Amino acid sequence: MEIDKNKREKLSSYDWQLIDLKGDRVNLNEFKGKVIVVNYWATWCPPCIAEMPSLQGLYDDYKSKVVFLFVANDEKEKVEKFVIDKNHSIPIYFQISQAPPQMQSNSLPTTYIINRSGEIVVNKTGAADWDSKKVKDLLDELIQ
């Protein structure tokens, strides 16, 4: 899952506007220099729903150390109902502007892990077990 160090792409820009479920705006620029996990998902996407419990587990363990952006490709009302029904506490966002070119994907789910220097360390399309030792070891390494 981890991209070889010589093949990693660096974000060309951190200018990416998002809005959360409460209507608060954020910009990816605010998280420059931090480890970031971005997950594109939707309530109508079976693989997205399948991997959500493991993402919730990863978020529970790393929310104070890593920035998580769960970017929904869906209607706000459906997303709100989904997170309430599933008892998820992950931070949900919607795109206001286009993501940096290196993080634009037409596939769901797609997950990116970005290191402190803006390199994409993981670019995974499709469901995965995110609450695994392998992923946690990687995050621990990136956080240090």
Protein backbone atom coordinates (compact mmCIF):
# COMPACT_ATOMS: atom_id res chain seq x y z
CA MET A 1 0.00 0.00 0.00
CA GLU A 2 2.88 2.39 0.77
CA ILE A 3 4.37 4.14 -2.27
CA ASP A 4 8.11 3.69 -2.78
CA LYS A 5 10.01 6.77 -1.55
CA ASN A 6 11.41 7.44 -5.05
CA LYS A 7 7.97 7.38 -6.68
CA ARG A 8 6.00 9.62 -4.32
CA GLU A 9 4.23 12.67 -5.70
CA LYS A 10 4.29 15.89 -3.72
CA LEU A 11 1.21 18.08 -3.44
CA SER A 12 1.61 21.05 -5.78
CA SER A 13 -0.83 23.05 -3.69
CA TYR A 14 -2.58 22.87 -0.34
CA ASP A 15 -5.33 25.23 -1.50
CA TRP A 16 -8.44 23.08 -1.08
CA GLN A 17 -11.65 24.43 0.41
CA LEU A 18 -13.88 22.08 2.40
CA ILE A 19 -16.98 22.52 4.53
CA ASP A 20 -18.03 20.29 7.44
CA LEU A 21 -21.50 19.12 8.47
CA LYS A 22 -21.94 22.19 10.74
CA GLY A 23 -21.15 24.57 7.88
CA ASP A 24 -17.64 25.47 9.09
CA ARG A 25 -15.10 25.98 6.32
CA VAL A 26 -11.56 24.66 6.38
CA ASN A 27 -8.68 24.85 3.95
CA LEU A 28 -6.07 22.13 3.54
CA ASN A 29 -3.48 24.92 4.01
CA GLU A 30 -4.35 24.86 7.73
CA PHE A 31 -2.86 21.36 7.97
CA LYS A 32 0.39 21.92 6.09
CA GLY A 33 3.26 20.23 7.93
CA LYS A 34 0.98 17.60 9.51
CA VAL A 35 0.27 13.97 8.65
CA ILE A 36 -3.06 13.88 6.80
CA VAL A 37 -5.45 11.04 5.95
CA VAL A 38 -8.00 11.87 3.22
CA ASN A 39 -10.76 9.41 2.41
CA TYR A 40 -13.27 9.93 -0.41
CA TRP A 41 -16.47 8.00 0.19
CA ALA A 42 -20.26 7.93 -0.25
CA THR A 43 -23.22 6.34 1.51
CA TRP A 44 -24.27 4.58 -1.72
CA CYS A 45 -20.84 2.93 -2.17
CA PRO A 46 -20.72 -0.64 -0.72
CA PRO A 47 -16.89 -0.82 -0.47
CA CYS A 48 -16.92 2.58 1.30
CA ILE A 49 -19.43 1.31 3.84
CA ALA A 50 -17.43 -1.93 4.25
CA GLU A 51 -14.20 -0.09 5.18
CA MET A 52 -15.82 2.58 7.37
CA PRO A 53 -15.61 0.65 10.68
CA SER A 54 -11.84 0.20 10.22
CA LEU A 55 -11.46 3.91 9.36
CA GLN A 56 -13.47 4.79 12.47
CA GLY A 57 -11.11 2.57 14.52
CA LEU A 58 -8.04 4.24 13.02
CA TYR A 59 -9.56 7.67 13.65
CA ASP A 60 -10.33 6.74 17.28
CA ASP A 61 -6.68 5.79 17.85
CA TYR A 62 -5.00 8.64 15.92
CA LYS A 63 -7.39 11.62 15.97
CA SER A 64 -5.09 13.63 18.26
CA LYS A 65 -1.97 12.93 16.16
CA VAL A 66 -3.17 12.92 12.54
CA VAL A 67 -5.56 15.13 10.53
CA PHE A 68 -8.48 13.14 9.13
CA LEU A 69 -10.62 14.44 6.27
CA PHE A 70 -13.51 12.17 5.29
CA VAL A 71 -14.75 13.77 2.09
CA ALA A 72 -18.29 12.70 1.23
CA ASN A 73 -19.47 12.51 -2.36
CA ASP A 74 -23.12 12.54 -1.40
CA GLU A 75 -26.06 14.60 -0.20
CA LYS A 76 -25.60 16.19 3.23
CA GLU A 77 -28.85 14.74 4.65
CA LYS A 78 -27.91 11.19 3.64
CA VAL A 79 -24.43 11.58 5.15
CA GLU A 80 -25.82 12.94 8.43
CA LYS A 81 -28.28 10.04 8.69
CA PHE A 82 -25.53 7.54 7.87
CA VAL A 83 -23.10 8.73 10.56
CA ILE A 84 -25.89 8.87 13.17
CA ASP A 85 -27.25 5.41 12.23
CA LYS A 86 -23.75 3.86 12.28
CA ASN A 87 -22.69 5.79 15.41
CA HIS A 88 -19.59 7.19 13.64
CA SER A 89 -17.70 10.20 14.99
CA ILE A 90 -15.39 10.74 12.01
CA PRO A 91 -15.06 14.32 10.74
CA ILE A 92 -17.07 14.64 7.52
CA TYR A 93 -16.40 17.26 4.87
CA PHE A 94 -17.72 18.25 1.47
CA GLN A 95 -15.62 19.82 -1.28
CA ILE A 96 -16.14 23.49 -2.07
CA SER A 97 -13.22 23.63 -4.49
CA GLN A 98 -11.25 21.00 -6.40
CA ALA A 99 -8.65 18.96 -4.58
CA PRO A 100 -4.98 19.37 -5.52
CA PRO A 101 -4.35 17.59 -8.87
CA GLN A 102 -2.43 14.77 -7.17
CA MET A 103 -5.51 13.93 -5.06
CA GLN A 104 -8.25 13.99 -7.67
CA SER A 105 -9.98 10.64 -8.02
CA ASN A 106 -13.11 9.39 -9.76
CA SER A 107 -13.08 6.12 -7.79
CA LEU A 108 -14.71 5.43 -4.45
CA PRO A 109 -13.40 4.75 -1.95
CA THR A 110 -9.99 6.35 -2.43
CA THR A 111 -7.70 7.07 0.50
CA TYR A 112 -4.53 9.14 0.63
CA ILE A 113 -2.00 9.42 3.41
CA ILE A 114 0.18 12.52 3.15
CA ASN A 115 3.38 13.02 5.15
CA ARG A 116 4.55 16.23 6.83
CA SER A 117 6.43 17.37 3.73
CA GLY A 118 3.37 17.00 1.46
CA GLU A 119 4.31 13.72 -0.20
CA ILE A 120 1.57 11.19 -0.94
CA VAL A 121 2.74 8.09 0.92
CA VAL A 122 -0.42 6.02 0.27
CA ASN A 123 -2.81 6.27 -2.67
CA LYS A 124 -5.28 3.40 -2.25
CA THR A 125 -8.36 2.87 -4.39
CA GLY A 126 -10.86 0.35 -3.07
CA ALA A 127 -11.65 -0.85 0.42
CA ALA A 128 -8.89 -1.74 2.88
CA ASP A 129 -8.41 -2.64 6.52
CA TRP A 130 -7.22 0.72 7.84
CA ASP A 131 -7.25 -0.29 11.51
CA SER A 132 -4.35 -2.70 10.94
CA LYS A 133 -0.88 -2.95 12.49
CA LYS A 134 0.69 -2.18 9.11
CA VAL A 135 -1.19 1.13 8.75
CA LYS A 136 -0.60 2.07 12.40
CA ASP A 137 3.12 1.32 12.08
CA LEU A 138 3.24 3.57 9.01
CA LEU A 139 1.41 6.40 10.78
CA ASP A 140 3.66 6.04 13.84
CA GLU A 141 6.69 6.36 11.55
CA LEU A 142 5.25 9.43 9.79
CA ILE A 143 4.29 11.15 13.06
CA GLN A 144 7.80 10.93 14.54
